[in-house]
C-alpha cells in the first residue's frame, strides 16, 4: 500500500468517527491527501484552486506519459519498416538505444560489431587471443538480433522519435514534482487557514452612552 492511500484511509477513519475532526492538523492531512479538501471542509474557496490544479496536473501527467509511449511504439514500428529489423526474442531497451547510434548490427563500417572490433584492437593491439575473447563477449549475434538501416535519414528519424519520447518523459517527471509541491502547499495553506479561523479576534473601540460618557471597549471573539 502506498503512502498516499494510507493517508487517505486514516483521514476517512478520523472523519467518519469524528475523532480529531476539528483539529487543524487533521484538516491539513486531508489537503495532503487531496489538495483543496481541507480548505473546502472549512468553507475556504482557495481549495478550489488547489483541487483544479491537481486535476490539471494529473491530466498533463497522463498526456505526457501516453505521448511518450506512443512515440516509442512509432519508433519501433519505424525500425521494423526501415531497418530490416529481425529478432529471435524480445528486444531490450539498450538494444533499441544502440539502433539509434549505429547503422547496422554487423561488422561493416558504421555497424555496432565493427565498433566492438575497433575497441578490441585498441585495448589489445598485441594480444590476438584477448582481442577475440573481447569480441565474442561484446558482439551481437545476427541469429539473435539484426538490423541494417536502409538510409541514414531513416536512422535520423528514429533518433528524433527516441529523443521526443525522452522529452515527454522529462515533462512528466517535472509535472510529478509539481504535483508533490501542490500537496505540500495545500497542506501548509490549510494549516494557515485553520489557525486563522481558530485565532481569537481582539478589537478595541469607543462608544458613547446616553449620558454622553465615552467608553473604551474591548471585544474578544471566540
N, C-alpha and C. Protein backbone atom coordinates (compact mmCIF):
# COMPACT_ATOMS: atom_id res chain seq x y z
N UNK A 1 0.85 -1.19 0.00
CA UNK A 1 0.00 0.00 0.00
C UNK A 1 0.88 1.25 0.00
N UNK A 2 0.63 2.17 -0.92
CA UNK A 2 1.48 3.35 -0.97
C UNK A 2 1.08 4.35 0.10
N UNK A 3 1.97 5.32 0.33
CA UNK A 3 1.78 6.28 1.42
C UNK A 3 0.52 7.11 1.25
N UNK A 4 0.26 7.54 0.02
CA UNK A 4 -0.91 8.39 -0.21
C UNK A 4 -2.20 7.65 0.12
N UNK A 5 -2.30 6.38 -0.27
CA UNK A 5 -3.51 5.61 0.02
C UNK A 5 -3.67 5.41 1.52
N UNK A 6 -2.56 5.19 2.22
CA UNK A 6 -2.63 5.01 3.67
C UNK A 6 -3.13 6.28 4.36
N UNK A 7 -2.63 7.45 3.90
CA UNK A 7 -3.07 8.72 4.48
C UNK A 7 -4.56 8.93 4.27
N UNK A 8 -5.05 8.61 3.05
CA UNK A 8 -6.47 8.79 2.75
C UNK A 8 -7.32 7.90 3.65
N UNK A 9 -6.90 6.65 3.85
CA UNK A 9 -7.66 5.72 4.71
C UNK A 9 -7.72 6.23 6.14
N UNK A 10 -6.59 6.72 6.66
CA UNK A 10 -6.56 7.25 8.02
C UNK A 10 -7.47 8.46 8.17
N UNK A 11 -7.43 9.35 7.17
CA UNK A 11 -8.26 10.55 7.24
C UNK A 11 -9.74 10.20 7.18
N UNK A 12 -10.10 9.25 6.32
CA UNK A 12 -11.50 8.83 6.24
C UNK A 12 -11.96 8.21 7.55
N UNK A 13 -11.06 7.48 8.21
CA UNK A 13 -11.40 6.88 9.51
C UNK A 13 -11.66 7.96 10.54
N UNK A 14 -10.75 8.95 10.63
CA UNK A 14 -10.91 10.01 11.60
C UNK A 14 -12.17 10.82 11.33
N UNK A 15 -12.45 11.05 10.03
CA UNK A 15 -13.63 11.85 9.67
C UNK A 15 -14.92 11.11 10.00
N UNK A 16 -14.95 9.83 9.71
CA UNK A 16 -16.17 9.05 9.94
C UNK A 16 -16.46 8.87 11.43
N UNK A 17 -15.41 8.77 12.25
CA UNK A 17 -15.60 8.56 13.69
C UNK A 17 -15.72 9.87 14.44
N UNK A 18 -15.36 10.98 13.80
CA UNK A 18 -15.40 12.27 14.48
C UNK A 18 -14.18 12.54 15.31
N UNK A 19 -13.22 11.64 15.32
CA UNK A 19 -12.01 11.79 16.12
C UNK A 19 -11.12 12.85 15.51
N UNK A 20 -10.79 13.87 16.33
CA UNK A 20 -9.95 14.97 15.90
C UNK A 20 -10.54 15.72 14.71
N UNK A 21 -11.84 15.68 14.56
CA UNK A 21 -12.46 16.23 13.36
C UNK A 21 -12.20 17.72 13.19
N UNK A 22 -12.05 18.45 14.31
CA UNK A 22 -11.90 19.89 14.22
C UNK A 22 -10.45 20.33 14.40
N UNK A 23 -9.53 19.40 14.46
CA UNK A 23 -8.13 19.76 14.65
C UNK A 23 -7.54 20.27 13.34
N UNK A 24 -6.75 21.36 13.39
CA UNK A 24 -6.13 21.89 12.18
C UNK A 24 -5.27 20.86 11.45
N UNK A 25 -4.55 20.01 12.21
CA UNK A 25 -3.68 19.04 11.58
C UNK A 25 -4.48 18.03 10.77
N UNK A 26 -5.64 17.63 11.30
CA UNK A 26 -6.48 16.68 10.58
C UNK A 26 -6.96 17.27 9.26
N UNK A 27 -7.36 18.53 9.30
CA UNK A 27 -7.80 19.19 8.07
C UNK A 27 -6.62 19.31 7.09
N UNK A 28 -5.45 19.61 7.64
CA UNK A 28 -4.27 19.74 6.77
C UNK A 28 -3.93 18.40 6.12
N UNK A 29 -4.10 17.31 6.87
CA UNK A 29 -3.82 15.99 6.31
C UNK A 29 -4.78 15.66 5.17
N UNK A 30 -5.99 16.18 5.25
CA UNK A 30 -6.92 15.99 4.14
C UNK A 30 -6.35 16.62 2.87
N UNK A 31 -5.80 17.82 3.02
CA UNK A 31 -5.21 18.50 1.86
C UNK A 31 -3.93 17.83 1.40
N UNK A 32 -3.22 17.18 2.33
CA UNK A 32 -2.03 16.44 1.93
C UNK A 32 -2.40 15.26 1.05
N UNK A 33 -3.56 14.67 1.32
CA UNK A 33 -4.04 13.55 0.52
C UNK A 33 -4.69 14.02 -0.78
N UNK A 34 -5.60 14.99 -0.66
CA UNK A 34 -6.30 15.55 -1.82
C UNK A 34 -6.23 17.07 -1.70
N UNK A 35 -5.35 17.74 -2.44
CA UNK A 35 -5.22 19.19 -2.33
C UNK A 35 -6.55 19.91 -2.48
N UNK A 36 -6.81 20.81 -1.53
CA UNK A 36 -8.05 21.57 -1.54
C UNK A 36 -9.11 21.01 -0.62
N UNK A 37 -9.01 19.73 -0.25
CA UNK A 37 -10.04 19.10 0.58
C UNK A 37 -10.13 19.79 1.95
N UNK A 38 -9.00 20.03 2.58
CA UNK A 38 -9.01 20.65 3.90
C UNK A 38 -9.57 22.05 3.87
N UNK A 39 -9.18 22.85 2.85
CA UNK A 39 -9.70 24.21 2.76
C UNK A 39 -11.22 24.20 2.54
N UNK A 40 -11.68 23.33 1.63
CA UNK A 40 -13.11 23.29 1.33
C UNK A 40 -13.92 22.82 2.52
N UNK A 41 -13.34 21.96 3.38
CA UNK A 41 -14.06 21.50 4.57
C UNK A 41 -14.29 22.63 5.55
N UNK A 42 -13.53 23.72 5.42
CA UNK A 42 -13.72 24.90 6.27
C UNK A 42 -14.42 26.03 5.53
N UNK A 43 -14.87 25.74 4.32
CA UNK A 43 -15.58 26.75 3.54
C UNK A 43 -14.66 27.76 2.89
N UNK A 44 -13.37 27.45 2.80
CA UNK A 44 -12.41 28.37 2.20
C UNK A 44 -12.29 28.06 0.71
N UNK A 45 -12.54 29.06 -0.13
CA UNK A 45 -12.61 28.83 -1.57
C UNK A 45 -11.26 28.62 -2.24
N UNK A 46 -10.16 28.87 -1.51
CA UNK A 46 -8.85 28.58 -2.12
C UNK A 46 -8.70 27.09 -2.41
N UNK A 47 -9.52 26.27 -1.76
CA UNK A 47 -9.49 24.84 -2.01
C UNK A 47 -9.79 24.50 -3.45
N UNK A 48 -10.67 25.29 -4.08
CA UNK A 48 -11.00 25.02 -5.48
C UNK A 48 -9.77 25.20 -6.38
N UNK A 49 -8.91 26.15 -6.03
CA UNK A 49 -7.70 26.39 -6.82
C UNK A 49 -6.78 25.18 -6.77
N UNK A 50 -6.54 24.66 -5.55
CA UNK A 50 -5.66 23.51 -5.40
C UNK A 50 -6.26 22.26 -6.05
N UNK A 51 -7.58 22.11 -5.90
CA UNK A 51 -8.24 20.94 -6.49
C UNK A 51 -8.19 20.99 -8.01
N UNK A 52 -8.45 22.16 -8.58
CA UNK A 52 -8.39 22.31 -10.03
C UNK A 52 -6.97 22.09 -10.55
N UNK A 53 -5.99 22.59 -9.79
CA UNK A 53 -4.59 22.38 -10.19
C UNK A 53 -4.24 20.90 -10.17
N UNK A 54 -4.74 20.18 -9.19
CA UNK A 54 -4.46 18.75 -9.09
C UNK A 54 -5.01 18.00 -10.30
N UNK A 55 -6.24 18.32 -10.67
CA UNK A 55 -6.85 17.67 -11.83
C UNK A 55 -6.07 17.99 -13.10
N UNK A 56 -5.70 19.26 -13.26
CA UNK A 56 -4.97 19.67 -14.45
C UNK A 56 -3.58 19.01 -14.51
N UNK A 57 -2.92 18.92 -13.36
CA UNK A 57 -1.58 18.33 -13.33
C UNK A 57 -1.62 16.85 -13.64
N UNK A 58 -2.57 16.12 -13.04
CA UNK A 58 -2.66 14.69 -13.33
C UNK A 58 -3.03 14.45 -14.79
N UNK A 59 -3.89 15.32 -15.34
CA UNK A 59 -4.24 15.19 -16.76
C UNK A 59 -3.00 15.38 -17.64
N UNK A 60 -2.17 16.37 -17.26
CA UNK A 60 -0.93 16.61 -18.00
C UNK A 60 0.02 15.42 -17.88
N UNK A 61 0.09 14.86 -16.68
CA UNK A 61 0.96 13.70 -16.46
C UNK A 61 0.55 12.54 -17.37
N UNK A 62 -0.73 12.22 -17.39
CA UNK A 62 -1.21 11.13 -18.24
C UNK A 62 -0.96 11.44 -19.72
N UNK A 63 -1.13 12.70 -20.11
CA UNK A 63 -0.91 13.08 -21.50
C UNK A 63 0.55 12.86 -21.90
N UNK A 64 1.48 13.35 -21.09
CA UNK A 64 2.90 13.21 -21.42
C UNK A 64 3.33 11.75 -21.42
N UNK A 65 2.83 10.97 -20.47
CA UNK A 65 3.17 9.55 -20.44
C UNK A 65 2.64 8.83 -21.67
N UNK A 66 1.41 9.13 -22.05
CA UNK A 66 0.82 8.47 -23.21
C UNK A 66 1.53 8.88 -24.50
N UNK A 67 1.94 10.16 -24.59
CA UNK A 67 2.67 10.62 -25.77
C UNK A 67 4.03 9.95 -25.86
N UNK A 68 4.68 9.76 -24.71
CA UNK A 68 5.98 9.08 -24.69
C UNK A 68 5.84 7.63 -25.16
N UNK A 69 4.82 6.95 -24.63
CA UNK A 69 4.59 5.55 -25.04
C UNK A 69 4.24 5.47 -26.53
N UNK A 70 3.43 6.42 -27.01
CA UNK A 70 3.05 6.43 -28.42
C UNK A 70 4.28 6.63 -29.31
N UNK A 71 5.17 7.54 -28.89
CA UNK A 71 6.36 7.80 -29.68
C UNK A 71 7.29 6.59 -29.71
N UNK A 72 7.37 5.87 -28.59
CA UNK A 72 8.19 4.65 -28.54
C UNK A 72 7.63 3.61 -29.50
N UNK A 73 6.30 3.43 -29.48
CA UNK A 73 5.68 2.45 -30.38
C UNK A 73 5.92 2.82 -31.84
N UNK A 74 5.82 4.12 -32.15
CA UNK A 74 6.07 4.56 -33.52
C UNK A 74 7.51 4.31 -33.93
N UNK A 75 8.44 4.55 -32.99
CA UNK A 75 9.86 4.33 -33.32
C UNK A 75 10.14 2.86 -33.57
N UNK A 76 9.52 1.98 -32.80
CA UNK A 76 9.71 0.55 -33.01
C UNK A 76 9.16 0.11 -34.37
N UNK A 77 7.99 0.61 -34.69
CA UNK A 77 7.40 0.27 -35.99
C UNK A 77 8.26 0.81 -37.13
N UNK A 78 8.79 2.00 -36.94
CA UNK A 78 9.66 2.60 -37.95
C UNK A 78 10.90 1.74 -38.16
N UNK A 79 11.44 1.20 -37.06
CA UNK A 79 12.63 0.34 -37.17
C UNK A 79 12.30 -0.95 -37.92
N UNK A 80 11.17 -1.55 -37.61
CA UNK A 80 10.79 -2.77 -38.33
C UNK A 80 10.60 -2.51 -39.82
N UNK A 81 10.08 -1.32 -40.15
CA UNK A 81 9.79 -1.00 -41.55
C UNK A 81 11.02 -0.55 -42.34
N UNK A 82 12.00 0.06 -41.66
CA UNK A 82 13.08 0.71 -42.40
C UNK A 82 14.49 0.25 -42.02
N UNK A 83 14.61 -0.66 -41.06
CA UNK A 83 15.94 -1.13 -40.67
C UNK A 83 16.10 -2.63 -40.87
N UNK A 84 15.15 -3.24 -41.56
CA UNK A 84 15.20 -4.70 -41.79
C UNK A 84 15.40 -5.45 -40.47
N UNK A 85 14.74 -4.95 -39.45
CA UNK A 85 14.94 -5.49 -38.10
C UNK A 85 14.34 -6.88 -37.98
N UNK A 86 15.12 -7.75 -37.36
CA UNK A 86 14.60 -9.06 -37.01
C UNK A 86 15.25 -9.49 -35.69
N UNK A 87 14.50 -10.25 -34.91
CA UNK A 87 14.98 -10.67 -33.60
C UNK A 87 14.38 -12.01 -33.25
N UNK A 88 15.17 -12.80 -32.54
CA UNK A 88 14.69 -14.13 -32.13
C UNK A 88 13.87 -14.07 -30.85
N UNK A 89 13.85 -12.92 -30.19
CA UNK A 89 13.10 -12.76 -28.94
C UNK A 89 12.76 -11.31 -28.71
N UNK A 90 12.47 -10.97 -27.47
CA UNK A 90 12.15 -9.58 -27.14
C UNK A 90 13.42 -8.74 -27.20
N UNK A 91 13.27 -7.46 -27.55
CA UNK A 91 14.40 -6.55 -27.68
C UNK A 91 14.44 -5.64 -26.45
N UNK A 92 15.59 -5.62 -25.77
CA UNK A 92 15.68 -4.80 -24.56
C UNK A 92 15.93 -3.34 -24.91
N UNK A 93 15.78 -2.47 -23.90
CA UNK A 93 15.90 -1.03 -24.13
C UNK A 93 17.29 -0.64 -24.61
N UNK A 94 18.32 -1.33 -24.13
CA UNK A 94 19.68 -1.00 -24.54
C UNK A 94 19.88 -1.23 -26.04
N UNK A 95 19.30 -2.31 -26.55
CA UNK A 95 19.43 -2.59 -27.98
C UNK A 95 18.67 -1.56 -28.80
N UNK A 96 17.49 -1.16 -28.35
CA UNK A 96 16.76 -0.10 -29.06
C UNK A 96 17.61 1.16 -29.12
N UNK A 97 18.33 1.45 -28.02
CA UNK A 97 19.18 2.63 -28.00
C UNK A 97 20.35 2.48 -28.98
N UNK A 98 20.95 1.29 -29.04
CA UNK A 98 22.06 1.05 -29.97
C UNK A 98 21.63 1.28 -31.42
N UNK A 99 20.39 0.97 -31.71
CA UNK A 99 19.90 1.15 -33.07
C UNK A 99 19.87 2.62 -33.48
N UNK A 100 19.81 3.52 -32.50
CA UNK A 100 19.83 4.95 -32.83
C UNK A 100 21.24 5.45 -33.06
N UNK A 101 22.25 4.67 -32.68
CA UNK A 101 23.65 5.11 -32.79
C UNK A 101 24.42 4.45 -33.93
N UNK A 102 23.98 3.25 -34.34
CA UNK A 102 24.74 2.51 -35.35
C UNK A 102 23.87 2.19 -36.55
N UNK A 103 24.49 2.22 -37.73
CA UNK A 103 23.75 1.97 -38.96
C UNK A 103 23.29 0.51 -39.07
N UNK A 104 24.04 -0.37 -38.44
CA UNK A 104 23.68 -1.79 -38.51
C UNK A 104 24.22 -2.49 -37.27
N UNK A 105 23.92 -3.78 -37.17
CA UNK A 105 24.43 -4.58 -36.06
C UNK A 105 25.70 -5.33 -36.45
N UNK A 106 26.11 -5.23 -37.72
CA UNK A 106 27.20 -6.06 -38.24
C UNK A 106 28.58 -5.45 -38.13
N UNK A 107 29.53 -6.09 -38.86
CA UNK A 107 30.92 -5.68 -38.84
C UNK A 107 31.26 -4.68 -39.94
N UNK A 108 30.25 -4.27 -40.73
CA UNK A 108 30.51 -3.25 -41.74
C UNK A 108 30.75 -1.90 -41.06
N UNK A 109 31.44 -1.01 -41.77
CA UNK A 109 31.75 0.30 -41.20
C UNK A 109 30.46 1.02 -40.80
N UNK A 110 30.43 1.51 -39.58
CA UNK A 110 29.21 2.14 -39.05
C UNK A 110 28.33 1.18 -38.30
N UNK A 111 28.74 -0.11 -38.26
CA UNK A 111 27.95 -1.11 -37.55
C UNK A 111 28.41 -1.27 -36.10
N UNK A 112 27.54 -1.83 -35.27
CA UNK A 112 27.87 -1.99 -33.86
C UNK A 112 29.03 -2.97 -33.68
N UNK A 113 28.98 -4.13 -34.34
CA UNK A 113 30.05 -5.11 -34.20
C UNK A 113 31.39 -4.55 -34.70
N UNK A 114 31.33 -3.68 -35.68
CA UNK A 114 32.56 -3.04 -36.16
C UNK A 114 33.17 -2.18 -35.05
N UNK A 115 32.30 -1.48 -34.29
CA UNK A 115 32.80 -0.66 -33.18
C UNK A 115 33.42 -1.53 -32.10
N UNK A 116 32.84 -2.72 -31.87
CA UNK A 116 33.42 -3.66 -30.90
C UNK A 116 34.80 -4.12 -31.37
N UNK A 117 34.92 -4.39 -32.65
CA UNK A 117 36.20 -4.80 -33.23
C UNK A 117 37.25 -3.71 -33.04
N UNK A 118 36.90 -2.47 -33.30
CA UNK A 118 37.83 -1.36 -33.14
C UNK A 118 38.26 -1.19 -31.68
N UNK A 119 37.30 -1.36 -30.75
CA UNK A 119 37.63 -1.26 -29.33
C UNK A 119 38.59 -2.36 -28.92
N UNK A 120 38.36 -3.58 -29.43
CA UNK A 120 39.24 -4.72 -29.10
C UNK A 120 40.66 -4.48 -29.61
N UNK A 121 40.77 -3.90 -30.79
CA UNK A 121 42.09 -3.63 -31.35
C UNK A 121 42.83 -2.56 -30.56
N UNK A 122 42.06 -1.57 -30.06
CA UNK A 122 42.68 -0.52 -29.24
C UNK A 122 43.12 -1.06 -27.88
N UNK A 123 42.31 -1.95 -27.30
CA UNK A 123 42.61 -2.47 -25.97
C UNK A 123 43.73 -3.52 -25.99
N UNK A 124 43.72 -4.38 -27.01
CA UNK A 124 44.68 -5.48 -27.06
C UNK A 124 45.37 -5.53 -28.43
N UNK A 125 46.17 -4.53 -28.75
CA UNK A 125 46.79 -4.48 -30.08
C UNK A 125 47.80 -5.61 -30.33
N UNK A 126 48.34 -6.20 -29.27
CA UNK A 126 49.38 -7.22 -29.44
C UNK A 126 48.96 -8.57 -28.86
N UNK A 127 47.68 -8.73 -28.59
CA UNK A 127 47.23 -9.99 -27.99
C UNK A 127 45.97 -10.45 -28.73
N UNK A 128 46.15 -11.30 -29.71
CA UNK A 128 45.03 -11.74 -30.54
C UNK A 128 44.01 -12.54 -29.75
N UNK A 129 44.48 -13.35 -28.80
CA UNK A 129 43.55 -14.17 -28.02
C UNK A 129 42.62 -13.29 -27.17
N UNK A 130 43.20 -12.30 -26.49
CA UNK A 130 42.37 -11.40 -25.68
C UNK A 130 41.43 -10.57 -26.56
N UNK A 131 41.91 -10.24 -27.76
CA UNK A 131 41.09 -9.49 -28.70
C UNK A 131 39.87 -10.30 -29.10
N UNK A 132 40.10 -11.56 -29.45
CA UNK A 132 38.99 -12.43 -29.86
C UNK A 132 38.03 -12.66 -28.71
N UNK A 133 38.58 -12.80 -27.52
CA UNK A 133 37.74 -13.00 -26.33
C UNK A 133 36.85 -11.80 -26.09
N UNK A 134 37.39 -10.61 -26.24
CA UNK A 134 36.62 -9.37 -26.04
C UNK A 134 35.51 -9.27 -27.08
N UNK A 135 35.84 -9.59 -28.33
CA UNK A 135 34.84 -9.50 -29.40
C UNK A 135 33.69 -10.48 -29.16
N UNK A 136 34.03 -11.71 -28.79
CA UNK A 136 32.98 -12.71 -28.54
C UNK A 136 32.08 -12.30 -27.37
N UNK A 137 32.67 -11.62 -26.38
CA UNK A 137 31.90 -11.23 -25.20
C UNK A 137 30.96 -10.06 -25.47
N UNK A 138 31.30 -9.20 -26.43
CA UNK A 138 30.54 -7.96 -26.63
C UNK A 138 29.79 -7.88 -27.95
N UNK A 139 30.08 -8.74 -28.90
CA UNK A 139 29.43 -8.65 -30.21
C UNK A 139 27.97 -9.08 -30.15
N UNK A 140 27.22 -8.65 -31.14
CA UNK A 140 25.82 -9.07 -31.27
C UNK A 140 25.74 -10.22 -32.26
N UNK A 141 25.00 -11.25 -31.90
CA UNK A 141 24.81 -12.42 -32.76
C UNK A 141 23.69 -12.13 -33.76
N UNK A 142 24.00 -12.25 -35.06
CA UNK A 142 22.98 -11.99 -36.08
C UNK A 142 21.78 -12.92 -35.97
N UNK A 143 21.99 -14.08 -35.37
CA UNK A 143 20.87 -15.01 -35.20
C UNK A 143 19.91 -14.56 -34.10
N UNK A 144 20.39 -13.68 -33.22
CA UNK A 144 19.55 -13.20 -32.12
C UNK A 144 18.96 -11.83 -32.42
N UNK A 145 19.77 -10.94 -32.97
CA UNK A 145 19.29 -9.60 -33.30
C UNK A 145 20.05 -9.09 -34.52
N UNK A 146 19.31 -8.48 -35.43
CA UNK A 146 19.93 -7.93 -36.64
C UNK A 146 19.16 -6.70 -37.09
N UNK A 147 19.92 -5.67 -37.50
CA UNK A 147 19.28 -4.53 -38.16
C UNK A 147 20.27 -3.91 -39.14
N UNK A 148 19.74 -3.24 -40.12
CA UNK A 148 20.56 -2.54 -41.11
C UNK A 148 19.70 -1.43 -41.72
N UNK A 149 19.94 -0.19 -41.27
CA UNK A 149 19.12 0.92 -41.74
C UNK A 149 19.30 1.11 -43.24
N UNK A 150 18.18 1.28 -43.92
CA UNK A 150 18.22 1.43 -45.38
C UNK A 150 18.90 2.74 -45.78
N UNK A 151 18.63 3.83 -45.01
CA UNK A 151 19.27 5.12 -45.27
C UNK A 151 19.60 5.79 -43.94
N UNK A 152 20.54 6.71 -43.98
CA UNK A 152 20.88 7.47 -42.77
C UNK A 152 19.71 8.35 -42.32
N UNK A 153 18.94 8.81 -43.30
CA UNK A 153 17.78 9.64 -42.97
C UNK A 153 16.77 8.86 -42.14
N UNK A 154 16.57 7.59 -42.46
CA UNK A 154 15.66 6.76 -41.67
C UNK A 154 16.15 6.61 -40.24
N UNK A 155 17.46 6.49 -40.09
CA UNK A 155 18.01 6.39 -38.73
C UNK A 155 17.85 7.71 -37.99
N UNK A 156 18.01 8.82 -38.67
CA UNK A 156 17.83 10.13 -38.03
C UNK A 156 16.39 10.32 -37.57
N UNK A 157 15.44 9.86 -38.39
CA UNK A 157 14.03 9.93 -37.99
C UNK A 157 13.81 9.12 -36.71
N UNK A 158 14.42 7.95 -36.66
CA UNK A 158 14.32 7.10 -35.47
C UNK A 158 14.93 7.81 -34.26
N UNK A 159 16.08 8.45 -34.44
CA UNK A 159 16.72 9.18 -33.35
C UNK A 159 15.81 10.27 -32.80
N UNK A 160 15.16 10.99 -33.71
CA UNK A 160 14.25 12.07 -33.28
C UNK A 160 13.09 11.50 -32.48
N UNK A 161 12.58 10.36 -32.89
CA UNK A 161 11.47 9.74 -32.16
C UNK A 161 11.89 9.35 -30.75
N UNK A 162 13.08 8.74 -30.63
CA UNK A 162 13.59 8.36 -29.31
C UNK A 162 13.80 9.60 -28.45
N UNK A 163 14.36 10.65 -29.05
CA UNK A 163 14.60 11.89 -28.31
C UNK A 163 13.28 12.52 -27.85
N UNK A 164 12.29 12.54 -28.73
CA UNK A 164 10.99 13.12 -28.36
C UNK A 164 10.34 12.34 -27.23
N UNK A 165 10.48 11.02 -27.28
CA UNK A 165 9.92 10.20 -26.20
C UNK A 165 10.58 10.55 -24.87
N UNK A 166 11.91 10.73 -24.90
CA UNK A 166 12.61 11.13 -23.68
C UNK A 166 12.17 12.48 -23.17
N UNK A 167 11.90 13.42 -24.09
CA UNK A 167 11.43 14.74 -23.68
C UNK A 167 10.08 14.64 -22.97
N UNK A 168 9.18 13.84 -23.54
CA UNK A 168 7.87 13.67 -22.90
C UNK A 168 8.02 13.05 -21.51
N UNK A 169 8.95 12.11 -21.37
CA UNK A 169 9.21 11.52 -20.05
C UNK A 169 9.71 12.58 -19.08
N UNK A 170 10.59 13.46 -19.55
CA UNK A 170 11.11 14.54 -18.70
C UNK A 170 9.99 15.48 -18.27
N UNK A 171 9.10 15.81 -19.21
CA UNK A 171 7.97 16.68 -18.87
C UNK A 171 7.10 16.03 -17.79
N UNK A 172 6.88 14.72 -17.93
CA UNK A 172 6.06 14.01 -16.95
C UNK A 172 6.71 14.04 -15.57
N UNK A 173 8.04 13.92 -15.53
CA UNK A 173 8.75 13.97 -14.24
C UNK A 173 8.62 15.35 -13.60
N UNK A 174 8.71 16.40 -14.42
CA UNK A 174 8.54 17.75 -13.89
C UNK A 174 7.14 17.93 -13.32
N UNK A 175 6.14 17.47 -14.05
CA UNK A 175 4.76 17.57 -13.58
C UNK A 175 4.60 16.79 -12.27
N UNK A 176 5.25 15.63 -12.18
CA UNK A 176 5.19 14.85 -10.95
C UNK A 176 5.72 15.63 -9.76
N UNK A 177 6.81 16.38 -9.98
CA UNK A 177 7.35 17.22 -8.91
C UNK A 177 6.39 18.33 -8.53
N UNK A 178 5.72 18.92 -9.52
CA UNK A 178 4.75 19.99 -9.24
C UNK A 178 3.54 19.43 -8.48
N UNK A 179 3.15 18.20 -8.79
CA UNK A 179 2.04 17.57 -8.06
C UNK A 179 2.38 17.44 -6.58
N UNK A 180 3.59 16.99 -6.29
CA UNK A 180 4.03 16.89 -4.89
C UNK A 180 4.01 18.26 -4.24
N UNK A 181 4.50 19.27 -4.96
CA UNK A 181 4.51 20.64 -4.43
C UNK A 181 3.10 21.12 -4.15
N UNK A 182 2.16 20.78 -5.02
CA UNK A 182 0.76 21.19 -4.83
C UNK A 182 0.20 20.60 -3.54
N UNK A 183 0.55 19.35 -3.23
CA UNK A 183 0.11 18.72 -1.98
C UNK A 183 0.70 19.43 -0.77
N UNK A 184 1.99 19.73 -0.86
CA UNK A 184 2.68 20.38 0.27
C UNK A 184 2.12 21.78 0.52
N UNK A 185 1.95 22.56 -0.55
CA UNK A 185 1.45 23.93 -0.40
C UNK A 185 0.02 23.92 0.13
N UNK A 186 -0.81 23.00 -0.35
CA UNK A 186 -2.19 22.91 0.14
C UNK A 186 -2.21 22.53 1.62
N UNK A 187 -1.31 21.61 2.01
CA UNK A 187 -1.18 21.22 3.42
C UNK A 187 -0.86 22.44 4.28
N UNK A 188 0.14 23.22 3.88
CA UNK A 188 0.53 24.40 4.65
C UNK A 188 -0.56 25.48 4.63
N UNK A 189 -1.21 25.63 3.49
CA UNK A 189 -2.28 26.63 3.39
C UNK A 189 -3.45 26.27 4.30
N UNK A 190 -3.76 24.98 4.40
CA UNK A 190 -4.84 24.55 5.28
C UNK A 190 -4.51 24.85 6.73
N UNK A 191 -3.26 24.61 7.13
CA UNK A 191 -2.85 24.96 8.49
C UNK A 191 -3.00 26.45 8.73
N UNK A 192 -2.62 27.24 7.75
CA UNK A 192 -2.75 28.70 7.88
C UNK A 192 -4.20 29.13 8.04
N UNK A 193 -5.06 28.58 7.18
CA UNK A 193 -6.48 28.95 7.23
C UNK A 193 -7.12 28.48 8.54
N UNK A 194 -6.78 27.25 8.96
CA UNK A 194 -7.36 26.71 10.20
C UNK A 194 -6.91 27.50 11.41
N UNK A 195 -5.65 27.85 11.46
CA UNK A 195 -5.15 28.62 12.61
C UNK A 195 -5.74 30.02 12.64
N UNK A 196 -5.91 30.61 11.45
CA UNK A 196 -6.52 31.94 11.41
C UNK A 196 -7.98 31.88 11.86
N UNK A 197 -8.68 30.80 11.50
CA UNK A 197 -10.08 30.67 11.89
C UNK A 197 -10.22 30.44 13.39
N UNK A 198 -9.23 29.77 13.99
CA UNK A 198 -9.29 29.48 15.42
C UNK A 198 -8.73 30.59 16.28
N UNK A 199 -8.07 31.56 15.66
CA UNK A 199 -7.45 32.64 16.43
C UNK A 199 -8.53 33.57 16.99
N UNK A 200 -8.36 34.00 18.24
CA UNK A 200 -9.31 34.93 18.84
C UNK A 200 -9.17 36.30 18.18
N UNK A 201 -10.30 36.91 17.92
CA UNK A 201 -10.32 38.24 17.34
C UNK A 201 -10.45 39.26 18.47
N UNK A 202 -9.49 40.19 18.58
CA UNK A 202 -9.49 41.21 19.62
C UNK A 202 -9.62 42.57 18.95
N UNK A 203 -10.55 43.35 19.43
CA UNK A 203 -10.82 44.64 18.79
C UNK A 203 -11.10 45.68 19.87
N UNK A 204 -10.45 46.83 19.79
CA UNK A 204 -10.71 47.96 20.68
C UNK A 204 -11.55 48.98 19.93
N UNK A 205 -12.57 49.53 20.62
CA UNK A 205 -13.37 50.59 20.00
C UNK A 205 -13.95 51.46 21.10
N UNK A 206 -14.41 52.64 20.72
CA UNK A 206 -15.02 53.58 21.68
C UNK A 206 -16.49 53.70 21.40
N UNK A 207 -17.25 54.01 22.47
CA UNK A 207 -18.70 54.18 22.35
C UNK A 207 -19.16 55.25 23.33
N UNK A 208 -20.27 55.92 22.99
CA UNK A 208 -20.83 56.97 23.85
C UNK A 208 -22.22 56.53 24.28
N UNK A 209 -22.47 56.58 25.61
CA UNK A 209 -23.79 56.15 26.09
C UNK A 209 -24.73 57.33 26.11
N UNK A 210 -25.92 57.13 26.69
CA UNK A 210 -26.95 58.17 26.71
C UNK A 210 -26.56 59.38 27.52
N UNK A 211 -25.65 59.20 28.50
CA UNK A 211 -25.21 60.34 29.31
C UNK A 211 -24.00 61.03 28.72
N UNK A 212 -23.72 60.74 27.45
CA UNK A 212 -22.59 61.31 26.73
C UNK A 212 -21.25 60.96 27.37
N UNK A 213 -21.24 59.76 28.00
CA UNK A 213 -20.00 59.27 28.58
C UNK A 213 -19.32 58.37 27.56
N UNK A 214 -18.06 58.66 27.30
CA UNK A 214 -17.32 57.88 26.30
C UNK A 214 -16.65 56.69 26.99
N UNK A 215 -16.85 55.54 26.41
CA UNK A 215 -16.29 54.31 26.95
C UNK A 215 -15.28 53.71 25.95
N UNK A 216 -14.24 53.14 26.52
CA UNK A 216 -13.29 52.35 25.71
C UNK A 216 -13.64 50.88 25.91
N UNK A 217 -13.98 50.22 24.81
CA UNK A 217 -14.48 48.85 24.90
C UNK A 217 -13.49 47.87 24.27
N UNK A 218 -13.49 46.67 24.81
CA UNK A 218 -12.68 45.56 24.29
C UNK A 218 -13.62 44.45 23.85
N UNK A 219 -13.48 44.05 22.58
CA UNK A 219 -14.32 42.98 22.08
C UNK A 219 -13.42 41.78 21.71
N UNK A 220 -13.75 40.64 22.28
CA UNK A 220 -12.96 39.42 22.03
C UNK A 220 -13.88 38.42 21.39
N UNK A 221 -13.46 37.92 20.21
CA UNK A 221 -14.25 36.91 19.51
C UNK A 221 -13.66 35.53 19.72
N UNK A 222 -14.50 34.54 19.94
CA UNK A 222 -14.07 33.16 20.17
C UNK A 222 -14.53 32.30 19.00
